[in-house]
Amino acid sequence: MTVRRILAATAVLALYSDAALAQTIDLQTLFPAGDASVSGRIVQLLVVMTVLSVAPGLLMMVTSFARFVIAFSFLRAGLGLQTTPNNLIIISLALFMTLFVMAPTFQQAWDNGVKPMVENKISQQEGYIRTTAPFRAFMQANVRDKDLALFQEMSSERFGEQNKAESDDLRVLIPAFMISEIRRGFEIGFLVALPFLVIDLVVATIMTAMGMMMMPPTVVSLPLKVLFFVLVDGWTLLVGALVKSFV
């Protein structure tokens, strides 16, 4: 009986193996006729994977994220709070504010560049130009002319006068935009921290006059600064001013 079972199992496996060998892999199901070539699809996949891997860096380089996160960090430092709100909340708030500000730019990049390229209506080169065009317009509208001129001048010195980068060249536009955003973030941070500095000075002066040398002024000034920020509706004022600061 055991020998018969072994022979029966062997026969069944042989039948299944013959059926499996009879099947062939149809590449047309993976790359339908009329679509991009195999090499084009591979290039697309590599580009997508590369973009996804450097997405956090791209987010900080070509969007409003840097200005938001710097201003929120200055706010936390001005209040004297070390971990409240924590980094997760600050970064999440900056991220969603960035999505709100950049929504028209993202939509234009998708409609004019990414979607037609995915549907094989335009080439990859044209898709890249159309996708980056809205981001270039956004950066040109918010970059300082002084920073842009600085990098254009340095490009002529490094690449030669004949290869001098234009104002819309990403080689000079992205670093100039990043420097401009950091500068504006520090300007807004100074304006945010200044009222809290005044409160700290007033509290420290009063406590010194009262002879309370052993008590740290921050013990008294911290709740006053939090109360002041809540009473003036600080989050609404700050977020509203940041959003309106973008062109």
C-alpha atoms as a PDB file:
ATOM      1  CA  MET A   1       0.000   0.000   0.000  1.00  0.00           C
ATOM      2  CA  THR A   2       2.788   2.411   0.829  1.00  0.00           C
ATOM      3  CA  VAL A   3       4.475   1.825  -2.541  1.00  0.00           C
ATOM      4  CA  ARG A   4       1.178   2.471  -4.340  1.00  0.00           C
ATOM      5  CA  ARG A   5       0.677   5.764  -2.475  1.00  0.00           C
ATOM      6  CA  ILE A   6       4.198   6.883  -3.358  1.00  0.00           C
ATOM      7  CA  LEU A   7       3.633   6.030  -7.020  1.00  0.00           C
ATOM      8  CA  ALA A   8       0.270   7.867  -7.028  1.00  0.00           C
ATOM      9  CA  ALA A   9       1.788  10.979  -5.456  1.00  0.00           C
ATOM     10  CA  THR A  10       4.641  10.896  -7.971  1.00  0.00           C
ATOM     11  CA  ALA A  11       2.165  10.693 -10.849  1.00  0.00           C
ATOM     12  CA  VAL A  12       0.153  13.646  -9.518  1.00  0.00           C
ATOM     13  CA  LEU A  13       3.324  15.755  -9.123  1.00  0.00           C
ATOM     14  CA  ALA A  14       4.389  14.863 -12.641  1.00  0.00           C
ATOM     15  CA  LEU A  15       1.036  15.983 -14.041  1.00  0.00           C
ATOM     16  CA  TYR A  16       1.200  19.305 -12.169  1.00  0.00           C
ATOM     17  CA  SER A  17       4.810  19.889 -13.256  1.00  0.00           C
ATOM     18  CA  ASP A  18       3.897  19.261 -16.895  1.00  0.00           C
ATOM     19  CA  ALA A  19       1.025  21.742 -16.602  1.00  0.00           C
ATOM     20  CA  ALA A  20       3.300  24.323 -14.996  1.00  0.00           C
ATOM     21  CA  LEU A  21       5.981  23.901 -17.661  1.00  0.00           C
ATOM     22  CA  ALA A  22       3.344  24.262 -20.345  1.00  0.00           C
ATOM     23  CA  GLN A  23       2.525  27.760 -19.084  1.00  0.00           C
ATOM     24  CA  THR A  24       4.615  30.687 -20.308  1.00  0.00           C
ATOM     25  CA  ILE A  25       5.048  34.156 -18.849  1.00  0.00           C
ATOM     26  CA  ASP A  26       3.403  36.756 -21.033  1.00  0.00           C
ATOM     27  CA  LEU A  27       5.329  40.034 -20.732  1.00  0.00           C
ATOM     28  CA  GLN A  28       2.506  41.785 -22.547  1.00  0.00           C
ATOM     29  CA  THR A  29       0.506  41.645 -19.318  1.00  0.00           C
ATOM     30  CA  LEU A  30       3.267  43.576 -17.553  1.00  0.00           C
ATOM     31  CA  PHE A  31       3.988  45.974 -20.421  1.00  0.00           C
ATOM     32  CA  PRO A  32       0.833  46.310 -22.546  1.00  0.00           C
ATOM     33  CA  ALA A  33       1.134  47.142 -26.205  1.00  0.00           C
ATOM     34  CA  GLY A  34       0.998  50.833 -26.980  1.00  0.00           C
ATOM     35  CA  ASP A  35       2.473  51.877 -23.662  1.00  0.00           C
ATOM     36  CA  ALA A  36       6.019  52.998 -22.955  1.00  0.00           C
ATOM     37  CA  SER A  37       8.884  50.661 -23.696  1.00  0.00           C
ATOM     38  CA  VAL A  38      10.354  48.323 -21.109  1.00  0.00           C
ATOM     39  CA  SER A  39      13.375  50.547 -20.602  1.00  0.00           C
ATOM     40  CA  GLY A  40      11.100  53.561 -20.250  1.00  0.00           C
ATOM     41  CA  ARG A  41       9.050  51.814 -17.581  1.00  0.00           C
ATOM     42  CA  ILE A  42      12.234  50.843 -15.716  1.00  0.00           C
ATOM     43  CA  VAL A  43      13.449  54.439 -15.830  1.00  0.00           C
ATOM     44  CA  GLN A  44      10.090  55.612 -14.517  1.00  0.00           C
ATOM     45  CA  LEU A  45      10.257  53.151 -11.615  1.00  0.00           C
ATOM     46  CA  LEU A  46      13.804  54.248 -10.775  1.00  0.00           C
ATOM     47  CA  VAL A  47      12.769  57.904 -10.853  1.00  0.00           C
ATOM     48  CA  VAL A  48       9.789  57.239  -8.601  1.00  0.00           C
ATOM     49  CA  MET A  49      11.905  55.292  -6.106  1.00  0.00           C
ATOM     50  CA  THR A  50      14.549  58.037  -6.103  1.00  0.00           C
ATOM     51  CA  VAL A  51      11.972  60.762  -5.540  1.00  0.00           C
ATOM     52  CA  LEU A  52      10.391  58.825  -2.684  1.00  0.00           C
ATOM     53  CA  SER A  53      13.771  58.285  -1.021  1.00  0.00           C
ATOM     54  CA  VAL A  54      14.681  61.985  -1.116  1.00  0.00           C
ATOM     55  CA  ALA A  55      11.151  63.273  -0.552  1.00  0.00           C
ATOM     56  CA  PRO A  56      11.890  64.747   2.914  1.00  0.00           C
ATOM     57  CA  GLY A  57      14.824  66.686   1.511  1.00  0.00           C
ATOM     58  CA  LEU A  58      12.788  67.915  -1.452  1.00  0.00           C
ATOM     59  CA  LEU A  59      10.041  68.972   0.914  1.00  0.00           C
ATOM     60  CA  MET A  60      12.431  71.207   2.830  1.00  0.00           C
ATOM     61  CA  MET A  61      14.208  72.539  -0.246  1.00  0.00           C
ATOM     62  CA  VAL A  62      11.418  73.673  -2.557  1.00  0.00           C
ATOM     63  CA  THR A  63       8.424  74.320  -0.273  1.00  0.00           C
ATOM     64  CA  SER A  64       7.429  76.530   2.641  1.00  0.00           C
ATOM     65  CA  PHE A  65       8.262  73.881   5.248  1.00  0.00           C
ATOM     66  CA  ALA A  66      11.477  75.518   6.500  1.00  0.00           C
ATOM     67  CA  ARG A  67       9.823  78.834   7.370  1.00  0.00           C
ATOM     68  CA  PHE A  68       7.048  77.143   9.323  1.00  0.00           C
ATOM     69  CA  VAL A  69       9.238  74.823  11.357  1.00  0.00           C
ATOM     70  CA  ILE A  70      11.745  77.583  12.215  1.00  0.00           C
ATOM     71  CA  ALA A  71       8.997  79.935  13.386  1.00  0.00           C
ATOM     72  CA  PHE A  72       7.381  77.238  15.521  1.00  0.00           C
ATOM     73  CA  SER A  73      10.754  76.345  17.055  1.00  0.00           C
ATOM     74  CA  PHE A  74      11.352  79.989  17.983  1.00  0.00           C
ATOM     75  CA  LEU A  75       7.889  80.119  19.534  1.00  0.00           C
ATOM     76  CA  ARG A  76       8.625  77.136  21.751  1.00  0.00           C
ATOM     77  CA  ALA A  77      11.984  78.584  22.777  1.00  0.00           C
ATOM     78  CA  GLY A  78      10.414  81.974  23.500  1.00  0.00           C
ATOM     79  CA  LEU A  79       7.808  80.432  25.738  1.00  0.00           C
ATOM     80  CA  GLY A  80      10.557  78.633  27.633  1.00  0.00           C
ATOM     81  CA  LEU A  81       9.045  75.212  27.057  1.00  0.00           C
ATOM     82  CA  GLN A  82      11.546  72.483  26.251  1.00  0.00           C
ATOM     83  CA  THR A  83       9.286  69.699  25.049  1.00  0.00           C
ATOM     84  CA  THR A  84       5.827  71.265  24.705  1.00  0.00           C
ATOM     85  CA  PRO A  85       4.702  71.110  21.989  1.00  0.00           C
ATOM     86  CA  ASN A  86       7.012  68.239  21.164  1.00  0.00           C
ATOM     87  CA  ASN A  87       8.879  67.779  17.893  1.00  0.00           C
ATOM     88  CA  LEU A  88       6.237  65.475  16.449  1.00  0.00           C
ATOM     89  CA  ILE A  89       3.506  68.084  16.871  1.00  0.00           C
ATOM     90  CA  ILE A  90       5.665  70.927  15.532  1.00  0.00           C
ATOM     91  CA  ILE A  91       6.766  68.975  12.461  1.00  0.00           C
ATOM     92  CA  SER A  92       3.239  67.691  11.823  1.00  0.00           C
ATOM     93  CA  LEU A  93       1.773  71.187  12.075  1.00  0.00           C
ATOM     94  CA  ALA A  94       4.487  72.570   9.786  1.00  0.00           C
ATOM     95  CA  LEU A  95       3.843  69.725   7.342  1.00  0.00           C
ATOM     96  CA  PHE A  96       0.099  70.298   7.111  1.00  0.00           C
ATOM     97  CA  MET A  97       0.573  74.070   6.841  1.00  0.00           C
ATOM     98  CA  THR A  98       3.006  73.389   4.017  1.00  0.00           C
ATOM     99  CA  LEU A  99       0.436  71.208   2.265  1.00  0.00           C
ATOM    100  CA  PHE A 100      -2.124  73.995   2.656  1.00  0.00           C
ATOM    101  CA  VAL A 101       0.181  76.646   1.196  1.00  0.00           C
ATOM    102  CA  MET A 102       1.587  74.433  -1.558  1.00  0.00           C
ATOM    103  CA  ALA A 103      -1.724  72.841  -2.620  1.00  0.00           C
ATOM    104  CA  PRO A 104      -2.108  74.951  -5.809  1.00  0.00           C
ATOM    105  CA  THR A 105       1.514  74.259  -6.769  1.00  0.00           C
ATOM    106  CA  PHE A 106       1.133  70.511  -6.198  1.00  0.00           C
ATOM    107  CA  GLN A 107      -2.095  70.466  -8.202  1.00  0.00           C
ATOM    108  CA  GLN A 108      -0.517  72.262 -11.162  1.00  0.00           C
ATOM    109  CA  ALA A 109       2.497  69.943 -11.103  1.00  0.00           C
ATOM    110  CA  TRP A 110       0.209  66.910 -11.111  1.00  0.00           C
ATOM    111  CA  ASP A 111      -2.205  68.134 -13.800  1.00  0.00           C
ATOM    112  CA  ASN A 112       0.393  69.553 -16.182  1.00  0.00           C
ATOM    113  CA  GLY A 113       3.340  67.225 -15.661  1.00  0.00           C
ATOM    114  CA  VAL A 114       2.980  64.033 -13.646  1.00  0.00           C
ATOM    115  CA  LYS A 115      -0.431  62.866 -14.869  1.00  0.00           C
ATOM    116  CA  PRO A 116       0.258  63.265 -18.631  1.00  0.00           C
ATOM    117  CA  MET A 117       3.666  61.601 -18.194  1.00  0.00           C
ATOM    118  CA  VAL A 118       2.164  58.632 -16.344  1.00  0.00           C
ATOM    119  CA  GLU A 119      -0.453  58.297 -19.078  1.00  0.00           C
ATOM    120  CA  ASN A 120       2.339  58.373 -21.707  1.00  0.00           C
ATOM    121  CA  LYS A 121       0.924  61.479 -23.365  1.00  0.00           C
ATOM    122  CA  ILE A 122       4.227  63.345 -23.051  1.00  0.00           C
ATOM    123  CA  SER A 123       7.864  62.301 -22.796  1.00  0.00           C
ATOM    124  CA  GLN A 124       9.799  62.072 -19.542  1.00  0.00           C
ATOM    125  CA  GLN A 125      11.832  65.167 -20.400  1.00  0.00           C
ATOM    126  CA  GLU A 126       8.770  67.269 -21.099  1.00  0.00           C
ATOM    127  CA  GLY A 127       7.094  65.848 -18.006  1.00  0.00           C
ATOM    128  CA  TYR A 128      10.055  66.916 -15.872  1.00  0.00           C
ATOM    129  CA  ILE A 129       9.909  70.448 -17.298  1.00  0.00           C
ATOM    130  CA  ARG A 130       6.168  70.728 -16.722  1.00  0.00           C
ATOM    131  CA  THR A 131       6.375  69.252 -13.212  1.00  0.00           C
ATOM    132  CA  THR A 132       9.119  71.582 -12.022  1.00  0.00           C
ATOM    133  CA  ALA A 133       7.613  74.707 -13.623  1.00  0.00           C
ATOM    134  CA  PRO A 134       5.096  75.412 -10.781  1.00  0.00           C
ATOM    135  CA  PHE A 135       7.803  74.942  -8.146  1.00  0.00           C
ATOM    136  CA  ARG A 136      10.110  77.304 -10.011  1.00  0.00           C
ATOM    137  CA  ALA A 137       7.365  79.916 -10.149  1.00  0.00           C
ATOM    138  CA  PHE A 138       6.720  79.537  -6.417  1.00  0.00           C
ATOM    139  CA  MET A 139      10.398  79.828  -5.512  1.00  0.00           C
ATOM    140  CA  GLN A 140      10.931  82.813  -7.814  1.00  0.00           C
ATOM    141  CA  ALA A 141       7.985  84.589  -6.212  1.00  0.00           C
ATOM    142  CA  ASN A 142       9.371  84.101  -2.680  1.00  0.00           C
ATOM    143  CA  VAL A 143      13.155  84.238  -3.126  1.00  0.00           C
ATOM    144  CA  ARG A 144      15.129  87.384  -2.335  1.00  0.00           C
ATOM    145  CA  ASP A 145      16.704  89.061  -5.334  1.00  0.00           C
ATOM    146  CA  LYS A 146      19.915  89.556  -3.364  1.00  0.00           C
ATOM    147  CA  ASP A 147      20.295  85.837  -2.633  1.00  0.00           C
ATOM    148  CA  LEU A 148      19.475  84.894  -6.216  1.00  0.00           C
ATOM    149  CA  ALA A 149      22.011  87.387  -7.563  1.00  0.00           C
ATOM    150  CA  LEU A 150      24.633  86.017  -5.177  1.00  0.00           C
ATOM    151  CA  PHE A 151      24.320  82.460  -6.468  1.00  0.00           C
ATOM    152  CA  GLN A 152      24.174  83.624 -10.083  1.00  0.00           C
ATOM    153  CA  GLU A 153      27.441  85.477  -9.565  1.00  0.00           C
ATOM    154  CA  MET A 154      29.030  82.452  -7.910  1.00  0.00           C
ATOM    155  CA  SER A 155      27.808  80.215 -10.747  1.00  0.00           C
ATOM    156  CA  SER A 156      29.616  82.384 -13.288  1.00  0.00           C
ATOM    157  CA  GLU A 157      32.804  82.124 -11.234  1.00  0.00           C
ATOM    158  CA  ARG A 158      32.533  78.350 -10.785  1.00  0.00           C
ATOM    159  CA  PHE A 159      31.075  77.241 -14.110  1.00  0.00           C
ATOM    160  CA  GLY A 160      32.450  79.989 -16.330  1.00  0.00           C
ATOM    161  CA  GLU A 161      30.769  83.048 -17.789  1.00  0.00           C
ATOM    162  CA  GLN A 162      29.500  81.119 -20.805  1.00  0.00           C
ATOM    163  CA  ASN A 163      27.767  78.609 -18.489  1.00  0.00           C
ATOM    164  CA  LYS A 164      26.328  81.184 -16.095  1.00  0.00           C
ATOM    165  CA  ALA A 165      23.054  79.961 -14.634  1.00  0.00           C
ATOM    166  CA  GLU A 166      19.848  81.839 -15.367  1.00  0.00           C
ATOM    167  CA  SER A 167      17.461  83.024 -12.672  1.00  0.00           C
ATOM    168  CA  ASP A 168      15.163  80.024 -13.228  1.00  0.00           C
ATOM    169  CA  ASP A 169      17.964  77.459 -13.118  1.00  0.00           C
ATOM    170  CA  LEU A 170      17.421  75.057 -10.236  1.00  0.00           C
ATOM    171  CA  ARG A 171      21.151  75.033  -9.511  1.00  0.00           C
ATOM    172  CA  VAL A 172      20.924  78.597  -8.224  1.00  0.00           C
ATOM    173  CA  LEU A 173      17.209  78.917  -7.502  1.00  0.00           C
ATOM    174  CA  ILE A 174      16.972  76.155  -4.881  1.00  0.00           C
ATOM    175  CA  PRO A 175      19.923  77.235  -2.657  1.00  0.00           C
ATOM    176  CA  ALA A 176      18.913  80.896  -2.949  1.00  0.00           C
ATOM    177  CA  PHE A 177      15.351  80.010  -1.980  1.00  0.00           C
ATOM    178  CA  MET A 178      16.543  77.971   1.014  1.00  0.00           C
ATOM    179  CA  ILE A 179      18.683  80.830   2.315  1.00  0.00           C
ATOM    180  CA  SER A 180      15.789  83.248   1.853  1.00  0.00           C
ATOM    181  CA  GLU A 181      13.417  80.966   3.737  1.00  0.00           C
ATOM    182  CA  ILE A 182      15.848  80.508   6.642  1.00  0.00           C
ATOM    183  CA  ARG A 183      16.358  84.267   6.857  1.00  0.00           C
ATOM    184  CA  ARG A 184      12.628  84.984   6.861  1.00  0.00           C
ATOM    185  CA  GLY A 185      12.108  82.255   9.441  1.00  0.00           C
ATOM    186  CA  PHE A 186      14.628  83.916  11.745  1.00  0.00           C
ATOM    187  CA  GLU A 187      13.006  87.321  11.197  1.00  0.00           C
ATOM    188  CA  ILE A 188       9.606  85.945  12.149  1.00  0.00           C
ATOM    189  CA  GLY A 189      11.174  84.080  15.067  1.00  0.00           C
ATOM    190  CA  PHE A 190      12.679  87.308  16.390  1.00  0.00           C
ATOM    191  CA  LEU A 191       9.317  89.054  16.271  1.00  0.00           C
ATOM    192  CA  VAL A 192       7.686  86.081  18.005  1.00  0.00           C
ATOM    193  CA  ALA A 193      10.302  85.852  20.783  1.00  0.00           C
ATOM    194  CA  LEU A 194      10.516  89.599  21.477  1.00  0.00           C
ATOM    195  CA  PRO A 195       7.279  89.916  23.563  1.00  0.00           C
ATOM    196  CA  PHE A 196       8.291  86.937  25.685  1.00  0.00           C
ATOM    197  CA  LEU A 197      11.709  88.502  26.276  1.00  0.00           C
ATOM    198  CA  VAL A 198       9.983  91.660  27.555  1.00  0.00           C
ATOM    199  CA  ILE A 199       7.903  89.579  29.955  1.00  0.00           C
ATOM    200  CA  ASP A 200      11.052  87.820  31.208  1.00  0.00           C
ATOM    201  CA  LEU A 201      12.799  91.165  31.799  1.00  0.00           C
ATOM    202  CA  VAL A 202       9.825  92.677  33.621  1.00  0.00           C
ATOM    203  CA  VAL A 203       9.401  89.635  35.863  1.00  0.00           C
ATOM    204  CA  ALA A 204      13.137  89.463  36.597  1.00  0.00           C
ATOM    205  CA  THR A 205      13.235  93.177  37.494  1.00  0.00           C
ATOM    206  CA  ILE A 206      10.233  92.924  39.812  1.00  0.00           C
ATOM    207  CA  MET A 207      11.581  89.846  41.570  1.00  0.00           C
ATOM    208  CA  THR A 208      14.981  91.486  42.020  1.00  0.00           C
ATOM    209  CA  ALA A 209      13.368  94.584  43.488  1.00  0.00           C
ATOM    210  CA  MET A 210      11.387  92.409  45.906  1.00  0.00           C
ATOM    211  CA  GLY A 211      14.570  90.635  47.012  1.00  0.00           C
ATOM    212  CA  MET A 212      13.500  87.257  45.655  1.00  0.00           C
ATOM    213  CA  MET A 213      16.973  86.296  44.498  1.00  0.00           C
ATOM    214  CA  MET A 214      16.729  82.559  45.105  1.00  0.00           C
ATOM    215  CA  MET A 215      13.639  81.943  42.974  1.00  0.00           C
ATOM    216  CA  PRO A 216      14.300  81.613  39.229  1.00  0.00           C
ATOM    217  CA  PRO A 217      12.358  84.238  37.236  1.00  0.00           C
ATOM    218  CA  THR A 218      11.203  81.577  34.772  1.00  0.00           C
ATOM    219  CA  VAL A 219       9.039  80.003  37.472  1.00  0.00           C
ATOM    220  CA  VAL A 220       6.882  83.128  37.467  1.00  0.00           C
ATOM    221  CA  SER A 221       7.295  84.261  33.866  1.00  0.00           C
ATOM    222  CA  LEU A 222       6.396  80.903  32.287  1.00  0.00           C
ATOM    223  CA  PRO A 223       2.707  80.864  33.252  1.00  0.00           C
ATOM    224  CA  LEU A 224       2.455  84.574  32.424  1.00  0.00           C
ATOM    225  CA  LYS A 225       3.863  84.006  28.939  1.00  0.00           C
ATOM    226  CA  VAL A 226       1.539  81.070  28.333  1.00  0.00           C
ATOM    227  CA  LEU A 227      -1.435  83.130  29.556  1.00  0.00           C
ATOM    228  CA  PHE A 228      -0.429  86.067  27.352  1.00  0.00           C
ATOM    229  CA  PHE A 229      -0.059  83.830  24.297  1.00  0.00           C
ATOM    230  CA  VAL A 230      -3.454  82.225  24.861  1.00  0.00           C
ATOM    231  CA  LEU A 231      -5.247  85.531  25.492  1.00  0.00           C
ATOM    232  CA  VAL A 232      -3.997  87.101  22.256  1.00  0.00           C
ATOM    233  CA  ASP A 233      -4.917  83.912  20.353  1.00  0.00           C
ATOM    234  CA  GLY A 234      -1.300  83.442  19.413  1.00  0.00           C
ATOM    235  CA  TRP A 235      -1.594  80.280  17.330  1.00  0.00           C
ATOM    236  CA  THR A 236      -4.170  81.841  15.017  1.00  0.00           C
ATOM    237  CA  LEU A 237      -2.146  85.032  14.654  1.00  0.00           C
ATOM    238  CA  LEU A 238       1.118  83.233  14.020  1.00  0.00           C
ATOM    239  CA  VAL A 239      -0.202  80.636  11.563  1.00  0.00           C
ATOM    240  CA  GLY A 240      -2.275  83.255   9.746  1.00  0.00           C
ATOM    241  CA  ALA A 241       0.713  85.590   9.402  1.00  0.00           C
ATOM    242  CA  LEU A 242       2.922  82.750   8.156  1.00  0.00           C
ATOM    243  CA  VAL A 243       0.429  81.645   5.520  1.00  0.00           C
ATOM    244  CA  LYS A 244      -0.131  85.221   4.321  1.00  0.00           C
ATOM    245  CA  SER A 245       3.620  85.824   4.106  1.00  0.00           C
ATOM    246  CA  PHE A 246       3.829  83.618   1.000  1.00  0.00           C
ATOM    247  CA  VAL A 247       3.091  85.092  -2.386  1.00  0.00           C
END
